[in-house]
Amino acid sequence: MGRALIGQTGLVDGLLIALLCHGHVLVEGVPGLAKTTAVRSFARVLGLSFLRVQFTPDLLPADVLGTQVYEPATGELVGGLYGVQIGRLFAGESMFHAATDASKVSLVHLVDWLRATGATLLDVQWRTDHLASLGVIQIPRSEYLELLAEAVA
């Protein structure tokens, strides 16, 4: 990797950390910095799949949605959940908390908003014990694909 990505040690380190933590990576920068080449090479070296979503000014902020939780006393952002809505599908991409239960509060508000807008599928990517405690269930792939087709139709 080091020979293919000269001068990108910070990016490679970040990709490795995300991989080990089962996380996601948002690579930002001006055009021409070989961001796509770096991530594609990283995936190829490790035998992983590579998917790319290009966030351009015509995509943000309207298509990336979410909820945020702020600490009332300080106004500090302490939790949130972000993703992309396509039709009646909301695909969650990032959930975080810097204060106890802030991500739970964010999810509750997101679900309320999705119900009000007629969403039928909230994809959380994978079921964790934390999400299961909030009602998330894992379903068979075939059932998911049926629900997905209905949601984006």
N, C-alpha and C. Protein backbone atom coordinates (compact mmCIF):
# COMPACT_ATOMS: atom_id res chain seq x y z
N MET A 1 0.83 -1.19 0.00
CA MET A 1 0.00 0.00 0.00
C MET A 1 0.87 1.25 0.00
N GLY A 2 1.93 1.25 0.79
CA GLY A 2 2.76 2.43 0.91
C GLY A 2 3.36 2.89 -0.40
N ARG A 3 3.66 1.94 -1.30
CA ARG A 3 4.23 2.30 -2.59
C ARG A 3 3.16 2.88 -3.52
N ALA A 4 1.93 2.44 -3.38
CA ALA A 4 0.85 2.92 -4.24
C ALA A 4 0.30 4.25 -3.76
N LEU A 5 0.43 4.56 -2.48
CA LEU A 5 -0.17 5.76 -1.90
C LEU A 5 0.90 6.61 -1.21
N ILE A 6 1.80 7.13 -1.96
CA ILE A 6 2.90 7.93 -1.41
C ILE A 6 2.34 9.19 -0.78
N GLY A 7 2.75 9.45 0.46
CA GLY A 7 2.32 10.65 1.16
C GLY A 7 0.92 10.58 1.73
N GLN A 8 0.33 9.41 1.80
CA GLN A 8 -1.05 9.25 2.28
C GLN A 8 -1.09 8.41 3.56
N THR A 9 -0.07 8.49 4.40
CA THR A 9 -0.03 7.64 5.60
C THR A 9 -1.21 7.91 6.53
N GLY A 10 -1.63 9.16 6.66
CA GLY A 10 -2.79 9.48 7.51
C GLY A 10 -4.05 8.82 7.01
N LEU A 11 -4.24 8.83 5.69
CA LEU A 11 -5.41 8.20 5.10
C LEU A 11 -5.36 6.68 5.29
N VAL A 12 -4.22 6.09 5.03
CA VAL A 12 -4.07 4.64 5.20
C VAL A 12 -4.31 4.25 6.66
N ASP A 13 -3.76 5.01 7.59
CA ASP A 13 -3.98 4.74 9.01
C ASP A 13 -5.47 4.82 9.35
N GLY A 14 -6.14 5.85 8.85
CA GLY A 14 -7.58 6.00 9.10
C GLY A 14 -8.39 4.85 8.52
N LEU A 15 -8.02 4.41 7.32
CA LEU A 15 -8.72 3.28 6.71
C LEU A 15 -8.53 2.00 7.53
N LEU A 16 -7.31 1.78 8.01
CA LEU A 16 -7.04 0.60 8.83
C LEU A 16 -7.82 0.64 10.14
N ILE A 17 -7.87 1.80 10.77
CA ILE A 17 -8.62 1.94 12.02
C ILE A 17 -10.09 1.67 11.78
N ALA A 18 -10.65 2.23 10.71
CA ALA A 18 -12.06 2.00 10.39
C ALA A 18 -12.32 0.52 10.13
N LEU A 19 -11.41 -0.14 9.43
CA LEU A 19 -11.56 -1.56 9.14
C LEU A 19 -11.57 -2.37 10.43
N LEU A 20 -10.64 -2.10 11.31
CA LEU A 20 -10.53 -2.84 12.57
C LEU A 20 -11.71 -2.57 13.49
N CYS A 21 -12.31 -1.40 13.38
CA CYS A 21 -13.45 -1.03 14.24
C CYS A 21 -14.79 -1.29 13.56
N HIS A 22 -14.76 -1.90 12.38
CA HIS A 22 -15.98 -2.14 11.61
C HIS A 22 -16.72 -0.83 11.35
N GLY A 23 -15.96 0.21 11.03
CA GLY A 23 -16.55 1.53 10.85
C GLY A 23 -16.67 1.94 9.40
N HIS A 24 -16.97 3.19 9.20
CA HIS A 24 -17.11 3.79 7.88
C HIS A 24 -16.10 4.91 7.75
N VAL A 25 -15.85 5.30 6.52
CA VAL A 25 -14.87 6.35 6.27
C VAL A 25 -15.48 7.38 5.34
N LEU A 26 -15.35 8.64 5.70
CA LEU A 26 -15.69 9.75 4.83
C LEU A 26 -14.38 10.41 4.47
N VAL A 27 -14.01 10.32 3.19
CA VAL A 27 -12.77 10.90 2.71
C VAL A 27 -13.12 12.21 2.01
N GLU A 28 -12.58 13.30 2.55
CA GLU A 28 -12.87 14.61 2.00
C GLU A 28 -11.62 15.22 1.39
N GLY A 29 -11.82 16.11 0.44
CA GLY A 29 -10.70 16.83 -0.13
C GLY A 29 -11.04 17.38 -1.49
N VAL A 30 -10.20 18.26 -1.96
CA VAL A 30 -10.41 18.85 -3.28
C VAL A 30 -10.14 17.80 -4.34
N PRO A 31 -10.65 18.00 -5.55
CA PRO A 31 -10.38 17.03 -6.63
C PRO A 31 -8.88 16.89 -6.90
N GLY A 32 -8.49 15.68 -7.31
CA GLY A 32 -7.12 15.45 -7.73
C GLY A 32 -6.19 14.92 -6.66
N LEU A 33 -6.71 14.58 -5.49
CA LEU A 33 -5.85 14.07 -4.42
C LEU A 33 -5.79 12.54 -4.38
N ALA A 34 -6.37 11.89 -5.36
CA ALA A 34 -6.35 10.42 -5.47
C ALA A 34 -7.11 9.73 -4.35
N LYS A 35 -8.18 10.37 -3.88
CA LYS A 35 -8.98 9.79 -2.79
C LYS A 35 -9.61 8.48 -3.24
N THR A 36 -10.24 8.48 -4.41
CA THR A 36 -10.88 7.27 -4.92
C THR A 36 -9.85 6.19 -5.19
N THR A 37 -8.73 6.56 -5.80
CA THR A 37 -7.66 5.59 -6.07
C THR A 37 -7.15 4.97 -4.79
N ALA A 38 -7.00 5.77 -3.75
CA ALA A 38 -6.50 5.27 -2.47
C ALA A 38 -7.44 4.23 -1.88
N VAL A 39 -8.71 4.55 -1.81
CA VAL A 39 -9.67 3.62 -1.19
C VAL A 39 -9.86 2.38 -2.06
N ARG A 40 -9.91 2.56 -3.37
CA ARG A 40 -10.05 1.41 -4.28
C ARG A 40 -8.84 0.48 -4.12
N SER A 41 -7.63 1.04 -4.04
CA SER A 41 -6.41 0.23 -3.87
C SER A 41 -6.42 -0.49 -2.53
N PHE A 42 -6.83 0.20 -1.50
CA PHE A 42 -6.93 -0.40 -0.17
C PHE A 42 -7.86 -1.60 -0.19
N ALA A 43 -9.02 -1.44 -0.81
CA ALA A 43 -9.99 -2.54 -0.91
C ALA A 43 -9.41 -3.70 -1.70
N ARG A 44 -8.75 -3.39 -2.82
CA ARG A 44 -8.19 -4.44 -3.67
C ARG A 44 -7.11 -5.24 -2.93
N VAL A 45 -6.23 -4.55 -2.22
CA VAL A 45 -5.15 -5.22 -1.48
C VAL A 45 -5.72 -6.19 -0.44
N LEU A 46 -6.83 -5.80 0.18
CA LEU A 46 -7.43 -6.63 1.23
C LEU A 46 -8.52 -7.56 0.72
N GLY A 47 -8.76 -7.56 -0.58
CA GLY A 47 -9.78 -8.43 -1.14
C GLY A 47 -11.19 -8.02 -0.75
N LEU A 48 -11.41 -6.72 -0.57
CA LEU A 48 -12.72 -6.20 -0.15
C LEU A 48 -13.45 -5.59 -1.34
N SER A 49 -14.74 -5.40 -1.18
CA SER A 49 -15.50 -4.71 -2.22
C SER A 49 -15.33 -3.21 -2.03
N PHE A 50 -15.56 -2.47 -3.09
CA PHE A 50 -15.40 -1.02 -3.05
C PHE A 50 -16.68 -0.38 -3.56
N LEU A 51 -17.29 0.46 -2.74
CA LEU A 51 -18.46 1.23 -3.14
C LEU A 51 -18.18 2.69 -2.86
N ARG A 52 -18.66 3.54 -3.73
CA ARG A 52 -18.36 4.97 -3.59
C ARG A 52 -19.64 5.77 -3.76
N VAL A 53 -19.84 6.70 -2.85
CA VAL A 53 -20.91 7.68 -2.99
C VAL A 53 -20.23 9.03 -3.12
N GLN A 54 -20.49 9.71 -4.21
CA GLN A 54 -19.88 11.02 -4.43
C GLN A 54 -20.81 12.09 -3.88
N PHE A 55 -20.36 12.79 -2.87
CA PHE A 55 -21.14 13.88 -2.29
C PHE A 55 -20.71 15.17 -2.97
N THR A 56 -21.54 15.64 -3.86
CA THR A 56 -21.28 16.87 -4.57
C THR A 56 -22.26 17.93 -4.09
N PRO A 57 -22.02 19.19 -4.40
CA PRO A 57 -22.94 20.23 -3.92
C PRO A 57 -24.40 20.00 -4.30
N ASP A 58 -24.65 19.31 -5.40
CA ASP A 58 -26.03 19.06 -5.78
C ASP A 58 -26.66 17.93 -4.96
N LEU A 59 -25.86 17.18 -4.21
CA LEU A 59 -26.38 16.11 -3.34
C LEU A 59 -26.59 16.61 -1.92
N LEU A 60 -25.68 17.40 -1.42
CA LEU A 60 -25.78 17.89 -0.05
C LEU A 60 -26.48 19.23 -0.02
N PRO A 61 -27.15 19.59 1.02
CA PRO A 61 -27.51 18.80 2.19
C PRO A 61 -28.85 18.11 2.05
N ALA A 62 -29.57 18.35 0.97
CA ALA A 62 -30.95 17.87 0.88
C ALA A 62 -31.08 16.35 0.94
N ASP A 63 -30.12 15.61 0.40
CA ASP A 63 -30.24 14.16 0.36
C ASP A 63 -29.64 13.46 1.57
N VAL A 64 -28.76 14.12 2.29
CA VAL A 64 -28.21 13.55 3.51
C VAL A 64 -28.99 14.16 4.66
N LEU A 65 -29.71 13.29 5.35
CA LEU A 65 -30.63 13.74 6.39
C LEU A 65 -30.22 13.14 7.73
N GLY A 66 -30.85 13.62 8.77
CA GLY A 66 -30.58 13.03 10.07
C GLY A 66 -31.13 13.87 11.19
N THR A 67 -30.80 13.44 12.37
CA THR A 67 -31.22 14.16 13.56
C THR A 67 -29.98 14.44 14.40
N GLN A 68 -30.06 15.51 15.16
CA GLN A 68 -28.96 15.88 16.03
C GLN A 68 -29.50 16.17 17.42
N VAL A 69 -28.68 15.89 18.41
CA VAL A 69 -29.04 16.15 19.80
C VAL A 69 -28.00 17.09 20.38
N TYR A 70 -28.48 18.17 20.99
CA TYR A 70 -27.59 19.17 21.58
C TYR A 70 -27.78 19.21 23.09
N GLU A 71 -26.70 19.47 23.80
CA GLU A 71 -26.75 19.66 25.25
C GLU A 71 -27.40 21.02 25.51
N PRO A 72 -28.56 21.02 26.19
CA PRO A 72 -29.28 22.28 26.39
C PRO A 72 -28.45 23.37 27.09
N ALA A 73 -27.66 22.99 28.07
CA ALA A 73 -26.93 23.99 28.85
C ALA A 73 -25.82 24.66 28.05
N THR A 74 -25.18 23.89 27.13
CA THR A 74 -24.01 24.43 26.43
C THR A 74 -24.25 24.63 24.94
N GLY A 75 -25.28 24.00 24.39
CA GLY A 75 -25.50 24.06 22.96
C GLY A 75 -24.56 23.17 22.17
N GLU A 76 -23.80 22.33 22.88
CA GLU A 76 -22.84 21.43 22.23
C GLU A 76 -23.54 20.24 21.59
N LEU A 77 -23.12 19.88 20.37
CA LEU A 77 -23.63 18.70 19.68
C LEU A 77 -23.15 17.46 20.42
N VAL A 78 -24.08 16.61 20.91
CA VAL A 78 -23.69 15.44 21.71
C VAL A 78 -24.17 14.12 21.13
N GLY A 79 -24.91 14.16 20.03
CA GLY A 79 -25.37 12.92 19.43
C GLY A 79 -26.03 13.19 18.10
N GLY A 80 -26.12 12.13 17.29
CA GLY A 80 -26.76 12.30 16.01
C GLY A 80 -26.85 11.00 15.24
N LEU A 81 -27.64 11.04 14.20
CA LEU A 81 -27.80 9.92 13.30
C LEU A 81 -28.02 10.50 11.91
N TYR A 82 -27.21 10.07 10.95
CA TYR A 82 -27.28 10.61 9.59
C TYR A 82 -27.41 9.49 8.59
N GLY A 83 -28.01 9.80 7.47
CA GLY A 83 -28.15 8.82 6.41
C GLY A 83 -28.75 9.46 5.18
N VAL A 84 -29.19 8.60 4.26
CA VAL A 84 -29.74 9.03 2.99
C VAL A 84 -31.15 8.47 2.86
N GLN A 85 -32.08 9.31 2.44
CA GLN A 85 -33.44 8.84 2.20
C GLN A 85 -33.68 8.74 0.70
N ILE A 86 -34.16 7.58 0.28
CA ILE A 86 -34.53 7.34 -1.11
C ILE A 86 -35.94 6.78 -1.08
N GLY A 87 -36.89 7.53 -1.57
CA GLY A 87 -38.28 7.09 -1.50
C GLY A 87 -38.69 6.93 -0.04
N ARG A 88 -39.15 5.73 0.30
CA ARG A 88 -39.58 5.45 1.68
C ARG A 88 -38.52 4.67 2.46
N LEU A 89 -37.29 4.64 1.94
CA LEU A 89 -36.14 4.01 2.60
C LEU A 89 -35.29 5.09 3.25
N PHE A 90 -34.89 4.84 4.50
CA PHE A 90 -33.84 5.65 5.12
C PHE A 90 -32.69 4.71 5.42
N ALA A 91 -31.54 4.97 4.81
CA ALA A 91 -30.35 4.15 5.02
C ALA A 91 -29.43 4.89 5.98
N GLY A 92 -29.38 4.43 7.22
CA GLY A 92 -28.54 5.05 8.23
C GLY A 92 -27.07 4.80 7.94
N GLU A 93 -26.26 5.83 8.04
CA GLU A 93 -24.83 5.71 7.74
C GLU A 93 -23.94 6.02 8.93
N SER A 94 -24.39 6.86 9.83
CA SER A 94 -23.53 7.26 10.93
C SER A 94 -24.38 7.59 12.15
N MET A 95 -24.07 6.95 13.26
CA MET A 95 -24.76 7.21 14.52
C MET A 95 -23.68 7.40 15.58
N PHE A 96 -23.80 8.48 16.36
CA PHE A 96 -22.76 8.74 17.34
C PHE A 96 -23.35 9.36 18.60
N HIS A 97 -22.57 9.30 19.65
CA HIS A 97 -22.95 9.99 20.88
C HIS A 97 -21.70 10.41 21.63
N ALA A 98 -21.78 11.59 22.21
CA ALA A 98 -20.72 12.08 23.08
C ALA A 98 -21.26 12.24 24.50
N ALA A 99 -22.56 12.00 24.66
CA ALA A 99 -23.20 12.04 25.97
C ALA A 99 -24.09 10.81 26.09
N THR A 100 -24.24 10.30 27.28
CA THR A 100 -25.03 9.10 27.53
C THR A 100 -26.42 9.23 26.91
N ASP A 101 -26.81 8.22 26.16
CA ASP A 101 -28.13 8.08 25.56
C ASP A 101 -28.44 9.09 24.45
N ALA A 102 -27.51 9.92 24.06
CA ALA A 102 -27.79 10.90 23.01
C ALA A 102 -28.12 10.22 21.68
N SER A 103 -27.46 9.11 21.36
CA SER A 103 -27.77 8.42 20.10
C SER A 103 -29.17 7.80 20.16
N LYS A 104 -29.58 7.34 21.33
CA LYS A 104 -30.93 6.80 21.49
C LYS A 104 -31.98 7.88 21.26
N VAL A 105 -31.74 9.06 21.82
CA VAL A 105 -32.66 10.18 21.64
C VAL A 105 -32.74 10.53 20.15
N SER A 106 -31.61 10.54 19.49
CA SER A 106 -31.57 10.86 18.07
C SER A 106 -32.36 9.83 17.27
N LEU A 107 -32.19 8.55 17.58
CA LEU A 107 -32.91 7.50 16.86
C LEU A 107 -34.42 7.61 17.09
N VAL A 108 -34.84 7.88 18.30
CA VAL A 108 -36.27 8.03 18.59
C VAL A 108 -36.86 9.16 17.75
N HIS A 109 -36.16 10.29 17.68
CA HIS A 109 -36.66 11.41 16.89
C HIS A 109 -36.66 11.09 15.40
N LEU A 110 -35.63 10.35 14.94
CA LEU A 110 -35.59 9.96 13.54
C LEU A 110 -36.78 9.06 13.21
N VAL A 111 -37.06 8.08 14.05
CA VAL A 111 -38.19 7.17 13.80
C VAL A 111 -39.50 7.94 13.78
N ASP A 112 -39.67 8.88 14.69
CA ASP A 112 -40.88 9.72 14.67
C ASP A 112 -41.01 10.46 13.35
N TRP A 113 -39.91 11.04 12.90
CA TRP A 113 -39.91 11.80 11.65
C TRP A 113 -40.19 10.87 10.46
N LEU A 114 -39.58 9.69 10.45
CA LEU A 114 -39.80 8.75 9.35
C LEU A 114 -41.25 8.29 9.30
N ARG A 115 -41.84 8.02 10.45
CA ARG A 115 -43.26 7.66 10.49
C ARG A 115 -44.12 8.78 9.92
N ALA A 116 -43.81 10.01 10.28
CA ALA A 116 -44.59 11.16 9.82
C ALA A 116 -44.46 11.37 8.31
N THR A 117 -43.33 10.95 7.74
CA THR A 117 -43.11 11.16 6.31
C THR A 117 -43.46 9.93 5.48
N GLY A 118 -43.92 8.86 6.11
CA GLY A 118 -44.35 7.67 5.37
C GLY A 118 -43.25 6.69 5.03
N ALA A 119 -42.10 6.80 5.66
CA ALA A 119 -41.02 5.84 5.40
C ALA A 119 -41.45 4.45 5.86
N THR A 120 -41.01 3.43 5.13
CA THR A 120 -41.39 2.05 5.46
C THR A 120 -40.21 1.17 5.84
N LEU A 121 -38.98 1.66 5.61
CA LEU A 121 -37.80 0.83 5.89
C LEU A 121 -36.68 1.71 6.42
N LEU A 122 -36.16 1.34 7.58
CA LEU A 122 -34.99 1.99 8.17
C LEU A 122 -33.87 0.96 8.18
N ASP A 123 -32.89 1.14 7.32
CA ASP A 123 -31.77 0.22 7.22
C ASP A 123 -30.65 0.71 8.13
N VAL A 124 -30.33 -0.06 9.16
CA VAL A 124 -29.29 0.32 10.11
C VAL A 124 -27.97 -0.41 9.83
N GLN A 125 -27.88 -1.12 8.72
CA GLN A 125 -26.71 -1.85 8.26
C GLN A 125 -26.48 -3.16 8.98
N TRP A 126 -26.43 -3.14 10.28
CA TRP A 126 -26.34 -4.41 11.02
C TRP A 126 -26.93 -4.21 12.41
N ARG A 127 -27.42 -5.32 12.93
CA ARG A 127 -28.05 -5.31 14.25
C ARG A 127 -26.97 -5.42 15.31
N THR A 128 -27.00 -4.50 16.23
CA THR A 128 -26.10 -4.57 17.39
C THR A 128 -26.98 -4.73 18.63
N ASP A 129 -26.39 -5.10 19.73
CA ASP A 129 -27.15 -5.21 20.97
C ASP A 129 -27.80 -3.87 21.33
N HIS A 130 -27.04 -2.80 21.10
CA HIS A 130 -27.55 -1.45 21.38
C HIS A 130 -28.81 -1.18 20.54
N LEU A 131 -28.73 -1.44 19.23
CA LEU A 131 -29.88 -1.18 18.36
C LEU A 131 -31.03 -2.15 18.65
N ALA A 132 -30.70 -3.37 19.01
CA ALA A 132 -31.74 -4.34 19.36
C ALA A 132 -32.51 -3.86 20.59
N SER A 133 -31.83 -3.21 21.52
CA SER A 133 -32.52 -2.70 22.71
C SER A 133 -33.51 -1.60 22.35
N LEU A 134 -33.36 -1.05 21.14
CA LEU A 134 -34.26 0.00 20.66
C LEU A 134 -35.30 -0.54 19.67
N GLY A 135 -35.31 -1.87 19.48
CA GLY A 135 -36.33 -2.47 18.64
C GLY A 135 -35.88 -2.92 17.27
N VAL A 136 -34.60 -2.79 16.94
CA VAL A 136 -34.10 -3.23 15.64
C VAL A 136 -34.11 -4.75 15.58
N ILE A 137 -34.58 -5.27 14.45
CA ILE A 137 -34.58 -6.73 14.23
C ILE A 137 -33.78 -7.04 12.97
N GLN A 138 -33.23 -8.23 12.92
CA GLN A 138 -32.52 -8.69 11.74
C GLN A 138 -33.49 -9.57 10.96
N ILE A 139 -33.52 -9.35 9.63
CA ILE A 139 -34.43 -10.13 8.79
C ILE A 139 -33.62 -10.83 7.70
N PRO A 140 -34.18 -11.90 7.13
CA PRO A 140 -33.47 -12.60 6.05
C PRO A 140 -33.26 -11.68 4.85
N ARG A 141 -32.18 -11.92 4.14
CA ARG A 141 -31.84 -11.10 2.96
C ARG A 141 -32.99 -11.03 1.97
N SER A 142 -33.64 -12.15 1.70
CA SER A 142 -34.73 -12.17 0.71
C SER A 142 -35.86 -11.24 1.14
N GLU A 143 -36.19 -11.25 2.42
CA GLU A 143 -37.24 -10.36 2.93
C GLU A 143 -36.80 -8.90 2.83
N TYR A 144 -35.53 -8.65 3.17
CA TYR A 144 -35.00 -7.29 3.07
C TYR A 144 -35.09 -6.77 1.64
N LEU A 145 -34.71 -7.61 0.67
CA LEU A 145 -34.74 -7.17 -0.72
C LEU A 145 -36.15 -6.86 -1.19
N GLU A 146 -37.13 -7.61 -0.71
CA GLU A 146 -38.54 -7.31 -1.03
C GLU A 146 -38.95 -5.96 -0.43
N LEU A 147 -38.62 -5.75 0.84
CA LEU A 147 -38.96 -4.49 1.50
C LEU A 147 -38.24 -3.32 0.85
N LEU A 148 -37.01 -3.55 0.44
CA LEU A 148 -36.23 -2.51 -0.22
C LEU A 148 -36.86 -2.12 -1.55
N ALA A 149 -37.23 -3.13 -2.34
CA ALA A 149 -37.86 -2.86 -3.64
C ALA A 149 -39.15 -2.05 -3.47
N GLU A 150 -39.93 -2.39 -2.47
CA GLU A 150 -41.18 -1.65 -2.21
C GLU A 150 -40.88 -0.23 -1.76
N ALA A 151 -39.87 -0.06 -0.93
CA ALA A 151 -39.57 1.24 -0.36
C ALA A 151 -39.04 2.23 -1.38
N VAL A 152 -38.27 1.75 -2.35
CA VAL A 152 -37.68 2.68 -3.33
C VAL A 152 -38.48 2.76 -4.62
N ALA A 153 -39.57 2.00 -4.71
CA ALA A 153 -40.39 2.02 -5.95
C ALA A 153 -41.09 3.35 -6.12
